[in-house]
Amino acid sequence: MPIGMQLIGNYFDEEKILNAAYTYEKATNFREKYKPTFKGGNA
């Protein structure tokens, strides 16, 4: 099932948005739970 999240902030406030995303990722262990499954390449 696709999972998505959108973070919205003020102009030129990218640092705050990226910090929020990083904090969420670390708190939920997101990368371990949802590892990429792309199996592309030259076949």
N, C-alpha and C. Protein backbone atom coordinates (compact mmCIF):
# COMPACT_ATOMS: atom_id res chain seq x y z
N MET A 1 0.85 -1.17 0.00
CA MET A 1 0.00 0.00 0.00
C MET A 1 0.90 1.24 0.00
N PRO A 2 0.68 2.15 -0.90
CA PRO A 2 1.47 3.39 -0.93
C PRO A 2 1.27 4.22 0.34
N ILE A 3 2.32 4.83 0.75
CA ILE A 3 2.27 5.67 1.94
C ILE A 3 2.79 7.05 1.54
N GLY A 4 2.11 8.09 1.99
CA GLY A 4 2.55 9.43 1.66
C GLY A 4 2.31 10.41 2.78
N MET A 5 3.10 11.46 2.80
CA MET A 5 2.94 12.52 3.78
C MET A 5 3.41 13.81 3.13
N GLN A 6 2.74 14.87 3.42
CA GLN A 6 3.13 16.16 2.87
C GLN A 6 3.34 17.14 4.01
N LEU A 7 4.49 17.78 4.02
CA LEU A 7 4.79 18.81 5.01
C LEU A 7 4.80 20.15 4.29
N ILE A 8 4.12 21.12 4.85
CA ILE A 8 4.01 22.44 4.24
C ILE A 8 4.50 23.47 5.24
N GLY A 9 5.28 24.43 4.76
CA GLY A 9 5.78 25.47 5.63
C GLY A 9 5.83 26.81 4.92
N ASN A 10 6.37 27.77 5.60
CA ASN A 10 6.51 29.11 5.05
C ASN A 10 7.63 29.16 4.03
N TYR A 11 7.62 30.20 3.21
CA TYR A 11 8.69 30.41 2.24
C TYR A 11 10.04 30.49 2.95
N PHE A 12 11.04 29.89 2.35
CA PHE A 12 12.42 29.91 2.84
C PHE A 12 12.55 29.31 4.24
N ASP A 13 11.68 28.36 4.59
CA ASP A 13 11.74 27.71 5.88
C ASP A 13 12.02 26.22 5.70
N GLU A 14 12.82 25.90 4.69
CA GLU A 14 13.10 24.51 4.36
C GLU A 14 13.79 23.78 5.50
N GLU A 15 14.64 24.47 6.23
CA GLU A 15 15.37 23.81 7.32
C GLU A 15 14.39 23.25 8.36
N LYS A 16 13.38 23.99 8.70
CA LYS A 16 12.40 23.53 9.68
C LYS A 16 11.62 22.33 9.15
N ILE A 17 11.25 22.37 7.88
CA ILE A 17 10.50 21.26 7.27
C ILE A 17 11.36 19.99 7.23
N LEU A 18 12.61 20.13 6.80
CA LEU A 18 13.50 18.97 6.73
C LEU A 18 13.79 18.41 8.12
N ASN A 19 13.92 19.26 9.11
CA ASN A 19 14.13 18.79 10.48
C ASN A 19 12.90 18.03 10.99
N ALA A 20 11.72 18.51 10.67
CA ALA A 20 10.49 17.82 11.08
C ALA A 20 10.41 16.45 10.42
N ALA A 21 10.73 16.37 9.13
CA ALA A 21 10.71 15.11 8.42
C ALA A 21 11.74 14.14 9.00
N TYR A 22 12.91 14.62 9.28
CA TYR A 22 13.97 13.78 9.85
C TYR A 22 13.57 13.27 11.23
N THR A 23 13.00 14.13 12.04
CA THR A 23 12.56 13.74 13.38
C THR A 23 11.48 12.67 13.30
N TYR A 24 10.54 12.83 12.39
CA TYR A 24 9.48 11.82 12.20
C TYR A 24 10.10 10.49 11.76
N GLU A 25 11.01 10.56 10.81
CA GLU A 25 11.64 9.34 10.30
C GLU A 25 12.36 8.59 11.41
N LYS A 26 13.08 9.29 12.25
CA LYS A 26 13.81 8.65 13.34
C LYS A 26 12.87 8.12 14.42
N ALA A 27 11.83 8.87 14.75
CA ALA A 27 10.90 8.47 15.81
C ALA A 27 10.08 7.24 15.43
N THR A 28 9.82 7.06 14.16
CA THR A 28 8.98 5.94 13.72
C THR A 28 9.80 4.79 13.13
N ASN A 29 11.12 4.95 13.04
CA ASN A 29 11.97 3.93 12.43
C ASN A 29 11.47 3.59 11.02
N PHE A 30 11.08 4.62 10.30
CA PHE A 30 10.41 4.47 9.00
C PHE A 30 11.23 3.69 7.99
N ARG A 31 12.51 3.97 7.88
CA ARG A 31 13.33 3.31 6.85
C ARG A 31 13.48 1.81 7.08
N GLU A 32 13.43 1.39 8.32
CA GLU A 32 13.52 -0.04 8.60
C GLU A 32 12.20 -0.75 8.29
N LYS A 33 11.09 -0.09 8.57
CA LYS A 33 9.77 -0.70 8.34
C LYS A 33 9.42 -0.75 6.86
N TYR A 34 9.82 0.27 6.11
CA TYR A 34 9.42 0.40 4.71
C TYR A 34 10.64 0.54 3.81
N LYS A 35 11.38 -0.52 3.69
CA LYS A 35 12.57 -0.49 2.84
C LYS A 35 12.15 -0.43 1.37
N PRO A 36 12.93 0.24 0.54
CA PRO A 36 12.61 0.30 -0.89
C PRO A 36 12.57 -1.10 -1.50
N THR A 37 11.65 -1.32 -2.42
CA THR A 37 11.52 -2.63 -3.04
C THR A 37 11.79 -2.57 -4.54
N PHE A 38 12.39 -1.49 -5.01
CA PHE A 38 12.68 -1.33 -6.42
C PHE A 38 13.66 -2.40 -6.88
N LYS A 39 13.29 -3.11 -7.91
CA LYS A 39 14.16 -4.15 -8.44
C LYS A 39 14.45 -3.88 -9.91
N GLY A 40 14.59 -2.62 -10.25
CA GLY A 40 14.83 -2.24 -11.63
C GLY A 40 16.26 -2.49 -12.06
N GLY A 41 16.56 -2.02 -13.21
CA GLY A 41 17.90 -2.18 -13.74
C GLY A 41 17.82 -2.70 -15.17
N ASN A 42 18.95 -2.98 -15.70
CA ASN A 42 18.99 -3.52 -17.06
C ASN A 42 18.80 -5.02 -17.03
N ALA A 43 17.75 -5.45 -17.68
CA ALA A 43 17.48 -6.89 -17.67
C ALA A 43 17.46 -7.43 -19.08
